[in-house]
Every structure is written in C-alpha cells, then in structure tokens.
Amino acid sequence: MLTSKKKAKVIKDAGIHEKDTGSPEVQIAILSKRIDELTSHLKKNLKDKHSRRGLLQMVADRRTHLKYLEGSSKKRYNAIVKKLALKK
C-alpha cells in the first residue's frame, strides 16, 4: 500500500513545482509506484484476481496519461520515461 509519506516523496520527486499534484508527470509517477507495489503483492498471492484486475486498470490509466503527455509535450514525455525507467 502506498503510504502518505511514500506518496509525498513520489510527488516531490516528479512534481514540476512544490504543490504540484495533478500534472501528468506526478500522476504517472504515483501510478508507477502503485503498480510496482501491487506487482510484488501479486507475486506472493497468485490467486488474488480482484487485485490483478485493479492492476490492469492502473496500467491502462498510466498508458493513457503517457499517451496524453507524448502528444502534448514530447520533451516532458521523454524525461518522465527516462526518470521512471519505463519502456516506450
């Protein structure tokens, strides 16, 4: 589970300015952190189908944010993909 301290650190690292919580970069970073944590949970709990469905929804949501960012600003898109080590 993504605690408020972990989430604040992710926002601080990915945010454009101090109080940035809604930019695509922050949303992508938060989703990536949640995806990583849920992936490790699913490795231990193979039969947890409900969490697997949530994971797929988060991956689709992150893909949507990435597609939006790629269309609006290729420079910012490349920066966040490199920063989070995501595949293109």
N, C-alpha and C. Protein backbone atom coordinates (compact mmCIF):
# COMPACT_ATOMS: atom_id res chain seq x y z
N MET A 1 0.84 -1.18 0.00
CA MET A 1 0.00 0.00 0.00
C MET A 1 0.89 1.24 0.00
N LEU A 2 0.49 2.23 -0.74
CA LEU A 2 1.25 3.47 -0.86
C LEU A 2 0.88 4.39 0.29
N THR A 3 1.79 4.54 1.25
CA THR A 3 1.52 5.39 2.41
C THR A 3 1.64 6.86 2.01
N SER A 4 1.16 7.73 2.87
CA SER A 4 1.18 9.16 2.56
C SER A 4 2.62 9.69 2.49
N LYS A 5 3.52 9.13 3.29
CA LYS A 5 4.92 9.56 3.23
C LYS A 5 5.56 9.16 1.91
N LYS A 6 5.30 7.93 1.47
CA LYS A 6 5.84 7.47 0.19
C LYS A 6 5.26 8.29 -0.96
N LYS A 7 3.96 8.57 -0.88
CA LYS A 7 3.30 9.33 -1.92
C LYS A 7 3.85 10.75 -1.98
N ALA A 8 4.09 11.37 -0.81
CA ALA A 8 4.65 12.72 -0.78
C ALA A 8 6.04 12.75 -1.40
N LYS A 9 6.83 11.70 -1.16
CA LYS A 9 8.17 11.63 -1.74
C LYS A 9 8.09 11.49 -3.26
N VAL A 10 7.16 10.67 -3.73
CA VAL A 10 6.99 10.50 -5.18
C VAL A 10 6.56 11.82 -5.81
N ILE A 11 5.64 12.53 -5.17
CA ILE A 11 5.16 13.81 -5.69
C ILE A 11 6.30 14.82 -5.71
N LYS A 12 7.11 14.85 -4.66
CA LYS A 12 8.23 15.78 -4.58
C LYS A 12 9.24 15.51 -5.69
N ASP A 13 9.51 14.23 -5.96
CA ASP A 13 10.48 13.86 -6.99
C ASP A 13 9.99 14.15 -8.41
N ALA A 14 8.70 13.96 -8.66
CA ALA A 14 8.18 14.07 -10.02
C ALA A 14 7.51 15.42 -10.31
N GLY A 15 7.19 16.17 -9.28
CA GLY A 15 6.43 17.41 -9.47
C GLY A 15 7.21 18.49 -10.17
N ILE A 16 6.48 19.34 -10.88
CA ILE A 16 7.09 20.46 -11.58
C ILE A 16 7.39 21.60 -10.60
N HIS A 17 6.46 21.82 -9.67
CA HIS A 17 6.66 22.82 -8.63
C HIS A 17 6.28 22.22 -7.28
N GLU A 18 6.37 23.00 -6.23
CA GLU A 18 6.23 22.48 -4.87
C GLU A 18 4.87 21.84 -4.58
N LYS A 19 3.79 22.44 -5.02
CA LYS A 19 2.46 21.94 -4.70
C LYS A 19 1.80 21.22 -5.88
N ASP A 20 2.60 20.72 -6.76
CA ASP A 20 2.10 20.04 -7.95
C ASP A 20 1.61 18.63 -7.60
N THR A 21 0.32 18.38 -7.80
CA THR A 21 -0.22 17.04 -7.58
C THR A 21 -1.01 16.53 -8.77
N GLY A 22 -1.29 17.37 -9.74
CA GLY A 22 -2.16 16.96 -10.83
C GLY A 22 -1.53 16.87 -12.19
N SER A 23 -0.27 17.22 -12.31
CA SER A 23 0.35 17.18 -13.63
C SER A 23 0.48 15.72 -14.08
N PRO A 24 0.56 15.51 -15.38
CA PRO A 24 0.68 14.13 -15.87
C PRO A 24 1.92 13.41 -15.32
N GLU A 25 3.00 14.15 -15.13
CA GLU A 25 4.22 13.52 -14.61
C GLU A 25 3.99 12.94 -13.22
N VAL A 26 3.32 13.70 -12.36
CA VAL A 26 3.04 13.24 -11.00
C VAL A 26 2.07 12.06 -11.03
N GLN A 27 1.05 12.14 -11.84
CA GLN A 27 0.07 11.06 -11.93
C GLN A 27 0.74 9.77 -12.41
N ILE A 28 1.61 9.90 -13.40
CA ILE A 28 2.32 8.73 -13.93
C ILE A 28 3.24 8.14 -12.87
N ALA A 29 3.93 9.01 -12.13
CA ALA A 29 4.85 8.53 -11.09
C ALA A 29 4.10 7.81 -9.97
N ILE A 30 2.97 8.36 -9.55
CA ILE A 30 2.17 7.73 -8.49
C ILE A 30 1.64 6.37 -8.97
N LEU A 31 1.11 6.35 -10.18
CA LEU A 31 0.61 5.08 -10.72
C LEU A 31 1.73 4.05 -10.84
N SER A 32 2.91 4.49 -11.26
CA SER A 32 4.04 3.56 -11.39
C SER A 32 4.42 2.97 -10.04
N LYS A 33 4.44 3.79 -9.01
CA LYS A 33 4.76 3.30 -7.67
C LYS A 33 3.71 2.30 -7.18
N ARG A 34 2.43 2.62 -7.40
CA ARG A 34 1.35 1.71 -7.00
C ARG A 34 1.43 0.40 -7.79
N ILE A 35 1.75 0.48 -9.07
CA ILE A 35 1.87 -0.71 -9.91
C ILE A 35 3.00 -1.60 -9.40
N ASP A 36 4.13 -0.98 -9.04
CA ASP A 36 5.27 -1.76 -8.53
C ASP A 36 4.89 -2.49 -7.24
N GLU A 37 4.22 -1.78 -6.34
CA GLU A 37 3.85 -2.40 -5.06
C GLU A 37 2.82 -3.51 -5.26
N LEU A 38 1.85 -3.28 -6.14
CA LEU A 38 0.83 -4.29 -6.38
C LEU A 38 1.41 -5.51 -7.10
N THR A 39 2.39 -5.29 -7.95
CA THR A 39 3.05 -6.39 -8.64
C THR A 39 3.75 -7.31 -7.65
N SER A 40 4.43 -6.71 -6.67
CA SER A 40 5.10 -7.54 -5.67
C SER A 40 4.08 -8.28 -4.81
N HIS A 41 2.93 -7.67 -4.55
CA HIS A 41 1.86 -8.35 -3.80
C HIS A 41 1.33 -9.55 -4.59
N LEU A 42 1.15 -9.37 -5.89
CA LEU A 42 0.59 -10.44 -6.71
C LEU A 42 1.57 -11.60 -6.92
N LYS A 43 2.86 -11.33 -6.78
CA LYS A 43 3.83 -12.42 -6.87
C LYS A 43 3.70 -13.37 -5.69
N LYS A 44 3.29 -12.82 -4.54
CA LYS A 44 3.11 -13.65 -3.34
C LYS A 44 1.72 -14.28 -3.30
N ASN A 45 0.72 -13.58 -3.85
CA ASN A 45 -0.67 -14.01 -3.78
C ASN A 45 -1.20 -14.24 -5.19
N LEU A 46 -0.90 -15.40 -5.72
CA LEU A 46 -1.20 -15.69 -7.12
C LEU A 46 -2.69 -15.74 -7.43
N LYS A 47 -3.51 -16.07 -6.44
CA LYS A 47 -4.94 -16.24 -6.71
C LYS A 47 -5.77 -14.99 -6.46
N ASP A 48 -5.13 -13.88 -6.19
CA ASP A 48 -5.84 -12.63 -5.91
C ASP A 48 -6.29 -11.98 -7.21
N LYS A 49 -7.42 -12.43 -7.73
CA LYS A 49 -7.90 -11.96 -9.03
C LYS A 49 -8.42 -10.53 -8.99
N HIS A 50 -8.98 -10.11 -7.86
CA HIS A 50 -9.52 -8.75 -7.76
C HIS A 50 -8.39 -7.71 -7.82
N SER A 51 -7.30 -7.97 -7.16
CA SER A 51 -6.16 -7.05 -7.21
C SER A 51 -5.53 -7.06 -8.60
N ARG A 52 -5.54 -8.21 -9.26
CA ARG A 52 -4.99 -8.29 -10.61
C ARG A 52 -5.80 -7.41 -11.57
N ARG A 53 -7.12 -7.38 -11.38
CA ARG A 53 -7.96 -6.53 -12.21
C ARG A 53 -7.65 -5.06 -11.96
N GLY A 54 -7.45 -4.70 -10.69
CA GLY A 54 -7.07 -3.33 -10.35
C GLY A 54 -5.73 -2.95 -10.95
N LEU A 55 -4.81 -3.90 -10.96
CA LEU A 55 -3.50 -3.65 -11.56
C LEU A 55 -3.64 -3.35 -13.05
N LEU A 56 -4.45 -4.13 -13.74
CA LEU A 56 -4.65 -3.90 -15.17
C LEU A 56 -5.29 -2.55 -15.43
N GLN A 57 -6.19 -2.12 -14.57
CA GLN A 57 -6.81 -0.81 -14.71
C GLN A 57 -5.78 0.30 -14.51
N MET A 58 -4.90 0.13 -13.54
CA MET A 58 -3.86 1.14 -13.29
C MET A 58 -2.89 1.22 -14.45
N VAL A 59 -2.53 0.08 -15.02
CA VAL A 59 -1.61 0.06 -16.17
C VAL A 59 -2.27 0.79 -17.35
N ALA A 60 -3.54 0.55 -17.58
CA ALA A 60 -4.26 1.22 -18.67
C ALA A 60 -4.34 2.72 -18.41
N ASP A 61 -4.57 3.11 -17.17
CA ASP A 61 -4.65 4.53 -16.82
C ASP A 61 -3.30 5.21 -17.02
N ARG A 62 -2.22 4.53 -16.61
CA ARG A 62 -0.88 5.09 -16.81
C ARG A 62 -0.57 5.22 -18.29
N ARG A 63 -0.97 4.24 -19.08
CA ARG A 63 -0.74 4.30 -20.52
C ARG A 63 -1.48 5.48 -21.14
N THR A 64 -2.70 5.75 -20.65
CA THR A 64 -3.47 6.89 -21.13
C THR A 64 -2.76 8.20 -20.81
N HIS A 65 -2.27 8.33 -19.58
CA HIS A 65 -1.54 9.54 -19.19
C HIS A 65 -0.27 9.71 -20.03
N LEU A 66 0.44 8.61 -20.27
CA LEU A 66 1.65 8.68 -21.09
C LEU A 66 1.34 9.10 -22.52
N LYS A 67 0.26 8.57 -23.06
CA LYS A 67 -0.13 8.92 -24.43
C LYS A 67 -0.49 10.41 -24.53
N TYR A 68 -1.21 10.91 -23.52
CA TYR A 68 -1.55 12.33 -23.48
C TYR A 68 -0.29 13.19 -23.42
N LEU A 69 0.63 12.83 -22.53
CA LEU A 69 1.85 13.60 -22.36
C LEU A 69 2.72 13.56 -23.62
N GLU A 70 2.76 12.41 -24.28
CA GLU A 70 3.53 12.29 -25.51
C GLU A 70 2.96 13.22 -26.59
N GLY A 71 1.65 13.32 -26.66
CA GLY A 71 1.03 14.19 -27.66
C GLY A 71 1.19 15.66 -27.35
N SER A 72 1.20 16.03 -26.07
CA SER A 72 1.27 17.44 -25.72
C SER A 72 2.70 17.96 -25.62
N SER A 73 3.62 17.15 -25.09
CA SER A 73 4.99 17.60 -24.93
C SER A 73 5.94 16.40 -24.99
N LYS A 74 6.56 16.22 -26.12
CA LYS A 74 7.47 15.09 -26.31
C LYS A 74 8.67 15.18 -25.37
N LYS A 75 9.13 16.39 -25.08
CA LYS A 75 10.28 16.58 -24.20
C LYS A 75 9.97 16.11 -22.78
N ARG A 76 8.80 16.50 -22.26
CA ARG A 76 8.40 16.08 -20.91
C ARG A 76 8.14 14.58 -20.86
N TYR A 77 7.58 14.04 -21.95
CA TYR A 77 7.33 12.60 -22.04
C TYR A 77 8.63 11.82 -21.94
N ASN A 78 9.62 12.22 -22.74
CA ASN A 78 10.91 11.52 -22.71
C ASN A 78 11.58 11.63 -21.35
N ALA A 79 11.43 12.78 -20.70
CA ALA A 79 12.04 12.98 -19.39
C ALA A 79 11.43 12.04 -18.34
N ILE A 80 10.11 11.91 -18.33
CA ILE A 80 9.46 11.06 -17.32
C ILE A 80 9.71 9.58 -17.61
N VAL A 81 9.74 9.20 -18.88
CA VAL A 81 10.02 7.81 -19.23
C VAL A 81 11.45 7.44 -18.79
N LYS A 82 12.38 8.35 -19.01
CA LYS A 82 13.76 8.10 -18.61
C LYS A 82 13.88 8.08 -17.08
N LYS A 83 13.21 9.01 -16.41
CA LYS A 83 13.29 9.12 -14.96
C LYS A 83 12.73 7.89 -14.26
N LEU A 84 11.63 7.35 -14.76
CA LEU A 84 10.97 6.20 -14.15
C LEU A 84 11.42 4.88 -14.75
N ALA A 85 12.30 4.94 -15.74
CA ALA A 85 12.81 3.74 -16.42
C ALA A 85 11.69 2.90 -17.00
N LEU A 86 10.76 3.55 -17.69
CA LEU A 86 9.65 2.87 -18.36
C LEU A 86 10.05 2.57 -19.80
N LYS A 87 9.51 1.50 -20.34
CA LYS A 87 9.75 1.17 -21.74
C LYS A 87 8.84 2.01 -22.60
N LYS A 88 9.29 2.33 -23.78
CA LYS A 88 8.46 3.12 -24.70
C LYS A 88 7.49 2.23 -25.42
